[in-house]
PDB file of N, CA and C in Angstrom:
ATOM      1  N   MET A   1     -26.261  13.868   9.264  1.00  0.00           N
ATOM      2  CA  MET A   1     -25.090  13.531   8.476  1.00  0.00           C
ATOM      3  C   MET A   1     -25.557  13.030   7.109  1.00  0.00           C
ATOM      4  N   PRO A   2     -24.989  13.544   6.004  1.00  0.00           N
ATOM      5  CA  PRO A   2     -25.434  13.119   4.679  1.00  0.00           C
ATOM      6  C   PRO A   2     -25.080  11.662   4.412  1.00  0.00           C
ATOM      7  N   ASP A   3     -25.884  11.024   3.558  1.00  0.00           N
ATOM      8  CA  ASP A   3     -25.653   9.614   3.245  1.00  0.00           C
ATOM      9  C   ASP A   3     -24.628   9.484   2.121  1.00  0.00           C
ATOM     10  N   THR A   4     -23.356   9.418   2.510  1.00  0.00           N
ATOM     11  CA  THR A   4     -22.285   9.208   1.541  1.00  0.00           C
ATOM     12  C   THR A   4     -21.604   7.882   1.811  1.00  0.00           C
ATOM     13  N   SER A   5     -22.343   6.974   2.433  1.00  0.00           N
ATOM     14  CA  SER A   5     -21.770   5.710   2.894  1.00  0.00           C
ATOM     15  C   SER A   5     -21.198   4.873   1.757  1.00  0.00           C
ATOM     16  N   LYS A   6     -21.721   5.013   0.557  1.00  0.00           N
ATOM     17  CA  LYS A   6     -21.241   4.195  -0.551  1.00  0.00           C
ATOM     18  C   LYS A   6     -19.848   4.613  -1.006  1.00  0.00           C
ATOM     19  N   THR A   7     -19.476   5.851  -0.766  1.00  0.00           N
ATOM     20  CA  THR A   7     -18.187   6.327  -1.243  1.00  0.00           C
ATOM     21  C   THR A   7     -17.137   6.416  -0.146  1.00  0.00           C
ATOM     22  N   LEU A   8     -17.509   6.177   1.096  1.00  0.00           N
ATOM     23  CA  LEU A   8     -16.571   6.289   2.203  1.00  0.00           C
ATOM     24  C   LEU A   8     -16.145   4.911   2.697  1.00  0.00           C
ATOM     25  N   THR A   9     -14.888   4.790   3.073  1.00  0.00           N
ATOM     26  CA  THR A   9     -14.417   3.554   3.690  1.00  0.00           C
ATOM     27  C   THR A   9     -14.886   3.529   5.137  1.00  0.00           C
ATOM     28  N   ASP A  10     -14.731   2.381   5.765  1.00  0.00           N
ATOM     29  CA  ASP A  10     -15.102   2.268   7.180  1.00  0.00           C
ATOM     30  C   ASP A  10     -14.292   3.240   8.030  1.00  0.00           C
ATOM     31  N   ASN A  11     -13.001   3.378   7.730  1.00  0.00           N
ATOM     32  CA  ASN A  11     -12.166   4.312   8.487  1.00  0.00           C
ATOM     33  C   ASN A  11     -12.626   5.748   8.291  1.00  0.00           C
ATOM     34  N   GLN A  12     -13.021   6.099   7.084  1.00  0.00           N
ATOM     35  CA  GLN A  12     -13.502   7.457   6.834  1.00  0.00           C
ATOM     36  C   GLN A  12     -14.818   7.720   7.556  1.00  0.00           C
ATOM     37  N   LYS A  13     -15.685   6.723   7.606  1.00  0.00           N
ATOM     38  CA  LYS A  13     -16.939   6.870   8.354  1.00  0.00           C
ATOM     39  C   LYS A  13     -16.650   7.052   9.840  1.00  0.00           C
ATOM     40  N   LEU A  14     -15.720   6.252  10.361  1.00  0.00           N
ATOM     41  CA  LEU A  14     -15.356   6.364  11.766  1.00  0.00           C
ATOM     42  C   LEU A  14     -14.743   7.727  12.064  1.00  0.00           C
ATOM     43  N   ALA A  15     -13.897   8.223  11.164  1.00  0.00           N
ATOM     44  CA  ALA A  15     -13.292   9.542  11.351  1.00  0.00           C
ATOM     45  C   ALA A  15     -14.368  10.629  11.392  1.00  0.00           C
ATOM     46  N   ALA A  16     -15.356  10.527  10.533  1.00  0.00           N
ATOM     47  CA  ALA A  16     -16.452  11.498  10.536  1.00  0.00           C
ATOM     48  C   ALA A  16     -17.231  11.429  11.847  1.00  0.00           C
ATOM     49  N   ASP A  17     -17.453  10.222  12.337  1.00  0.00           N
ATOM     50  CA  ASP A  17     -18.146  10.054  13.618  1.00  0.00           C
ATOM     51  C   ASP A  17     -17.333  10.655  14.763  1.00  0.00           C
ATOM     52  N   ILE A  18     -16.026  10.461  14.739  1.00  0.00           N
ATOM     53  CA  ILE A  18     -15.176  11.020  15.792  1.00  0.00           C
ATOM     54  C   ILE A  18     -15.202  12.541  15.739  1.00  0.00           C
ATOM     55  N   ARG A  19     -15.126  13.113  14.536  1.00  0.00           N
ATOM     56  CA  ARG A  19     -15.200  14.583  14.418  1.00  0.00           C
ATOM     57  C   ARG A  19     -16.516  15.107  14.976  1.00  0.00           C
ATOM     58  N   GLU A  20     -17.609  14.429  14.660  1.00  0.00           N
ATOM     59  CA  GLU A  20     -18.920  14.843  15.168  1.00  0.00           C
ATOM     60  C   GLU A  20     -18.943  14.764  16.697  1.00  0.00           C
ATOM     61  N   ALA A  21     -18.382  13.701  17.252  1.00  0.00           N
ATOM     62  CA  ALA A  21     -18.317  13.554  18.710  1.00  0.00           C
ATOM     63  C   ALA A  21     -17.459  14.652  19.330  1.00  0.00           C
ATOM     64  N   MET A  22     -16.386  15.038  18.638  1.00  0.00           N
ATOM     65  CA  MET A  22     -15.513  16.089  19.157  1.00  0.00           C
ATOM     66  C   MET A  22     -16.240  17.433  19.214  1.00  0.00           C
ATOM     67  N   VAL A  23     -17.080  17.699  18.232  1.00  0.00           N
ATOM     68  CA  VAL A  23     -17.861  18.943  18.240  1.00  0.00           C
ATOM     69  C   VAL A  23     -18.826  18.946  19.422  1.00  0.00           C
ATOM     70  N   ILE A  24     -19.498  17.841  19.624  1.00  0.00           N
ATOM     71  CA  ILE A  24     -20.426  17.734  20.760  1.00  0.00           C
ATOM     72  C   ILE A  24     -19.672  17.889  22.070  1.00  0.00           C
ATOM     73  N   LEU A  25     -18.538  17.212  22.183  1.00  0.00           N
ATOM     74  CA  LEU A  25     -17.741  17.298  23.403  1.00  0.00           C
ATOM     75  C   LEU A  25     -17.225  18.715  23.626  1.00  0.00           C
ATOM     76  N   ALA A  26     -16.861  19.405  22.560  1.00  0.00           N
ATOM     77  CA  ALA A  26     -16.406  20.796  22.689  1.00  0.00           C
ATOM     78  C   ALA A  26     -17.504  21.667  23.298  1.00  0.00           C
ATOM     79  N   LYS A  27     -18.743  21.442  22.879  1.00  0.00           N
ATOM     80  CA  LYS A  27     -19.864  22.197  23.443  1.00  0.00           C
ATOM     81  C   LYS A  27     -20.044  21.875  24.927  1.00  0.00           C
ATOM     82  N   VAL A  28     -19.896  20.602  25.272  1.00  0.00           N
ATOM     83  CA  VAL A  28     -20.014  20.190  26.676  1.00  0.00           C
ATOM     84  C   VAL A  28     -18.916  20.860  27.506  1.00  0.00           C
ATOM     85  N   ILE A  29     -17.687  20.852  26.989  1.00  0.00           N
ATOM     86  CA  ILE A  29     -16.569  21.457  27.716  1.00  0.00           C
ATOM     87  C   ILE A  29     -16.797  22.954  27.909  1.00  0.00           C
ATOM     88  N   ARG A  30     -17.256  23.629  26.865  1.00  0.00           N
ATOM     89  CA  ARG A  30     -17.533  25.073  26.995  1.00  0.00           C
ATOM     90  C   ARG A  30     -18.605  25.352  28.048  1.00  0.00           C
ATOM     91  N   LYS A  31     -19.589  24.490  28.101  1.00  0.00           N
ATOM     92  CA  LYS A  31     -20.706  24.738  29.011  1.00  0.00           C
ATOM     93  C   LYS A  31     -20.423  24.299  30.448  1.00  0.00           C
ATOM     94  N   PHE A  32     -19.726  23.159  30.618  1.00  0.00           N
ATOM     95  CA  PHE A  32     -19.598  22.575  31.946  1.00  0.00           C
ATOM     96  C   PHE A  32     -18.182  22.525  32.506  1.00  0.00           C
ATOM     97  N   GLY A  33     -17.200  22.869  31.692  1.00  0.00           N
ATOM     98  CA  GLY A  33     -15.828  22.868  32.201  1.00  0.00           C
ATOM     99  C   GLY A  33     -14.969  21.774  31.594  1.00  0.00           C
ATOM    100  N   ASP A  34     -13.722  21.736  32.060  1.00  0.00           N
ATOM    101  CA  ASP A  34     -12.687  20.915  31.442  1.00  0.00           C
ATOM    102  C   ASP A  34     -12.605  19.464  31.923  1.00  0.00           C
ATOM    103  N   ALA A  35     -13.480  19.027  32.772  1.00  0.00           N
ATOM    104  CA  ALA A  35     -13.381  17.660  33.312  1.00  0.00           C
ATOM    105  C   ALA A  35     -13.276  16.593  32.212  1.00  0.00           C
ATOM    106  N   PRO A  36     -14.030  16.703  31.107  1.00  0.00           N
ATOM    107  CA  PRO A  36     -13.922  15.657  30.087  1.00  0.00           C
ATOM    108  C   PRO A  36     -12.784  15.874  29.071  1.00  0.00           C
ATOM    109  N   TRP A  37     -11.883  16.813  29.356  1.00  0.00           N
ATOM    110  CA  TRP A  37     -10.814  17.115  28.394  1.00  0.00           C
ATOM    111  C   TRP A  37      -9.986  15.886  28.004  1.00  0.00           C
ATOM    112  N   PRO A  38      -9.679  14.969  28.925  1.00  0.00           N
ATOM    113  CA  PRO A  38      -8.918  13.782  28.507  1.00  0.00           C
ATOM    114  C   PRO A  38      -9.608  12.988  27.390  1.00  0.00           C
ATOM    115  N   LEU A  39     -10.923  13.005  27.380  1.00  0.00           N
ATOM    116  CA  LEU A  39     -11.648  12.347  26.302  1.00  0.00           C
ATOM    117  C   LEU A  39     -11.399  13.054  24.969  1.00  0.00           C
ATOM    118  N   MET A  40     -11.340  14.377  24.979  1.00  0.00           N
ATOM    119  CA  MET A  40     -11.042  15.133  23.759  1.00  0.00           C
ATOM    120  C   MET A  40      -9.653  14.755  23.238  1.00  0.00           C
ATOM    121  N   GLU A  41      -8.696  14.635  24.146  1.00  0.00           N
ATOM    122  CA  GLU A  41      -7.345  14.248  23.733  1.00  0.00           C
ATOM    123  C   GLU A  41      -7.340  12.849  23.135  1.00  0.00           C
ATOM    124  N   ARG A  42      -8.133  11.963  23.702  1.00  0.00           N
ATOM    125  CA  ARG A  42      -8.235  10.603  23.164  1.00  0.00           C
ATOM    126  C   ARG A  42      -8.842  10.625  21.768  1.00  0.00           C
ATOM    127  N   PHE A  43      -9.904  11.410  21.585  1.00  0.00           N
ATOM    128  CA  PHE A  43     -10.508  11.544  20.261  1.00  0.00           C
ATOM    129  C   PHE A  43      -9.488  12.059  19.256  1.00  0.00           C
ATOM    130  N   GLN A  44      -8.691  13.046  19.657  1.00  0.00           N
ATOM    131  CA  GLN A  44      -7.670  13.594  18.758  1.00  0.00           C
ATOM    132  C   GLN A  44      -6.677  12.519  18.339  1.00  0.00           C
ATOM    133  N   ARG A  45      -6.215  11.727  19.293  1.00  0.00           N
ATOM    134  CA  ARG A  45      -5.254  10.660  18.974  1.00  0.00           C
ATOM    135  C   ARG A  45      -5.856   9.634  18.028  1.00  0.00           C
ATOM    136  N   GLU A  46      -7.089   9.245  18.297  1.00  0.00           N
ATOM    137  CA  GLU A  46      -7.751   8.254  17.454  1.00  0.00           C
ATOM    138  C   GLU A  46      -7.980   8.791  16.043  1.00  0.00           C
ATOM    139  N   LEU A  47      -8.402  10.044  15.950  1.00  0.00           N
ATOM    140  CA  LEU A  47      -8.626  10.653  14.645  1.00  0.00           C
ATOM    141  C   LEU A  47      -7.325  10.741  13.859  1.00  0.00           C
ATOM    142  N   LYS A  48      -6.256  11.161  14.504  1.00  0.00           N
ATOM    143  CA  LYS A  48      -4.948  11.250  13.845  1.00  0.00           C
ATOM    144  C   LYS A  48      -4.502   9.882  13.355  1.00  0.00           C
ATOM    145  N   ALA A  49      -4.685   8.851  14.177  1.00  0.00           N
ATOM    146  CA  ALA A  49      -4.299   7.499  13.780  1.00  0.00           C
ATOM    147  C   ALA A  49      -5.094   7.034  12.556  1.00  0.00           C
ATOM    148  N   LEU A  50      -6.390   7.301  12.549  1.00  0.00           N
ATOM    149  CA  LEU A  50      -7.216   6.923  11.399  1.00  0.00           C
ATOM    150  C   LEU A  50      -6.787   7.660  10.141  1.00  0.00           C
ATOM    151  N   GLU A  51      -6.550   8.960  10.271  1.00  0.00           N
ATOM    152  CA  GLU A  51      -6.135   9.753   9.111  1.00  0.00           C
ATOM    153  C   GLU A  51      -4.778   9.288   8.593  1.00  0.00           C
ATOM    154  N   ASP A  52      -3.865   8.956   9.505  1.00  0.00           N
ATOM    155  CA  ASP A  52      -2.551   8.456   9.099  1.00  0.00           C
ATOM    156  C   ASP A  52      -2.677   7.126   8.361  1.00  0.00           C
ATOM    157  N   ARG A  53      -3.538   6.251   8.865  1.00  0.00           N
ATOM    158  CA  ARG A  53      -3.746   4.958   8.200  1.00  0.00           C
ATOM    159  C   ARG A  53      -4.306   5.140   6.798  1.00  0.00           C
ATOM    160  N   GLU A  54      -5.306   6.003   6.673  1.00  0.00           N
ATOM    161  CA  GLU A  54      -5.903   6.252   5.360  1.00  0.00           C
ATOM    162  C   GLU A  54      -4.874   6.851   4.397  1.00  0.00           C
ATOM    163  N   ALA A  55      -4.075   7.794   4.888  1.00  0.00           N
ATOM    164  CA  ALA A  55      -3.054   8.414   4.040  1.00  0.00           C
ATOM    165  C   ALA A  55      -2.029   7.382   3.587  1.00  0.00           C
ATOM    166  N   LEU A  56      -1.614   6.504   4.494  1.00  0.00           N
ATOM    167  CA  LEU A  56      -0.656   5.469   4.142  1.00  0.00           C
ATOM    168  C   LEU A  56      -1.239   4.524   3.095  1.00  0.00           C
ATOM    169  N   LEU A  57      -2.467   4.092   3.291  1.00  0.00           N
ATOM    170  CA  LEU A  57      -3.107   3.219   2.309  1.00  0.00           C
ATOM    171  C   LEU A  57      -3.205   3.898   0.951  1.00  0.00           C
ATOM    172  N   ASP A  58      -3.622   5.158   0.949  1.00  0.00           N
ATOM    173  CA  ASP A  58      -3.723   5.902  -0.313  1.00  0.00           C
ATOM    174  C   ASP A  58      -2.369   5.986  -1.003  1.00  0.00           C
ATOM    175  N   THR A  59      -1.331   6.297  -0.237  1.00  0.00           N
ATOM    176  CA  THR A  59       0.008   6.417  -0.806  1.00  0.00           C
ATOM    177  C   THR A  59       0.465   5.085  -1.385  1.00  0.00           C
ATOM    178  N   LEU A  60       0.298   4.024  -0.618  1.00  0.00           N
ATOM    179  CA  LEU A  60       0.743   2.716  -1.085  1.00  0.00           C
ATOM    180  C   LEU A  60      -0.032   2.254  -2.310  1.00  0.00           C
ATOM    181  N   LEU A  61      -1.319   2.473  -2.304  1.00  0.00           N
ATOM    182  CA  LEU A  61      -2.127   2.047  -3.445  1.00  0.00           C
ATOM    183  C   LEU A  61      -1.846   2.898  -4.674  1.00  0.00           C
ATOM    184  N   ASP A  62      -1.632   4.190  -4.498  1.00  0.00           N
ATOM    185  CA  ASP A  62      -1.281   5.055  -5.625  1.00  0.00           C
ATOM    186  C   ASP A  62       0.062   4.641  -6.211  1.00  0.00           C
ATOM    187  N   ASP A  63       1.043   4.359  -5.353  1.00  0.00           N
ATOM    188  CA  ASP A  63       2.356   3.918  -5.817  1.00  0.00           C
ATOM    189  C   ASP A  63       2.239   2.592  -6.560  1.00  0.00           C
ATOM    190  N   ASN A  64       1.414   1.707  -6.039  1.00  0.00           N
ATOM    191  CA  ASN A  64       1.227   0.402  -6.668  1.00  0.00           C
ATOM    192  C   ASN A  64       0.614   0.563  -8.055  1.00  0.00           C
ATOM    193  N   LEU A  65      -0.365   1.450  -8.188  1.00  0.00           N
ATOM    194  CA  LEU A  65      -0.984   1.694  -9.492  1.00  0.00           C
ATOM    195  C   LEU A  65       0.021   2.303 -10.458  1.00  0.00           C
ATOM    196  N   ASP A  66       0.844   3.248  -9.968  1.00  0.00           N
ATOM    197  CA  ASP A  66       1.848   3.870 -10.818  1.00  0.00           C
ATOM    198  C   ASP A  66       2.846   2.834 -11.318  1.00  0.00           C
ATOM    199  N   ASN A  67       3.300   1.965 -10.420  1.00  0.00           N
ATOM    200  CA  ASN A  67       4.274   0.935 -10.794  1.00  0.00           C
ATOM    201  C   ASN A  67       3.678  -0.065 -11.769  1.00  0.00           C
ATOM    202  N   ALA A  68       2.420  -0.422 -11.567  1.00  0.00           N
ATOM    203  CA  ALA A  68       1.758  -1.363 -12.460  1.00  0.00           C
ATOM    204  C   ALA A  68       1.612  -0.781 -13.859  1.00  0.00           C
ATOM    205  N   SER A  69       1.290   0.501 -13.935  1.00  0.00           N
ATOM    206  CA  SER A  69       1.133   1.115 -15.261  1.00  0.00           C
ATOM    207  C   SER A  69       2.468   1.257 -15.963  1.00  0.00           C
ATOM    208  N   LYS A  70       3.546   1.472 -15.217  1.00  0.00           N
ATOM    209  CA  LYS A  70       4.874   1.575 -15.829  1.00  0.00           C
ATOM    210  C   LYS A  70       5.318   0.216 -16.370  1.00  0.00           C
ATOM    211  N   ARG A  71       4.984  -0.857 -15.649  1.00  0.00           N
ATOM    212  CA  ARG A  71       5.379  -2.190 -16.090  1.00  0.00           C
ATOM    213  C   ARG A  71       4.612  -2.609 -17.346  1.00  0.00           C
ATOM    214  N   SER A  72       3.381  -2.144 -17.486  1.00  0.00           N
ATOM    215  CA  SER A  72       2.582  -2.550 -18.636  1.00  0.00           C
ATOM    216  C   SER A  72       2.955  -1.771 -19.891  1.00  0.00           C
ATOM    217  N   ASN A  73       3.692  -0.689 -19.735  1.00  0.00           N
ATOM    218  CA  ASN A  73       4.095   0.114 -20.912  1.00  0.00           C
ATOM    219  C   ASN A  73       5.338  -0.394 -21.532  1.00  0.00           C
TER     220      ASN A  73
END
């Protein structure tokens, strides 16, 4: 994994780790069967939650910056 730790938030790092785990788990499922599938579903839920949180933070912070710049004009 490339060292982009300085530009990524903790949530983004965790999301990247979850994606990497999902790829590994996908290989395990292909090779050994569907027994660990519930874990894949859990990874999907966790990844979606992280992405939703990051999107919400980005939206709120962007809106806050827009409002601040309008007030200063």
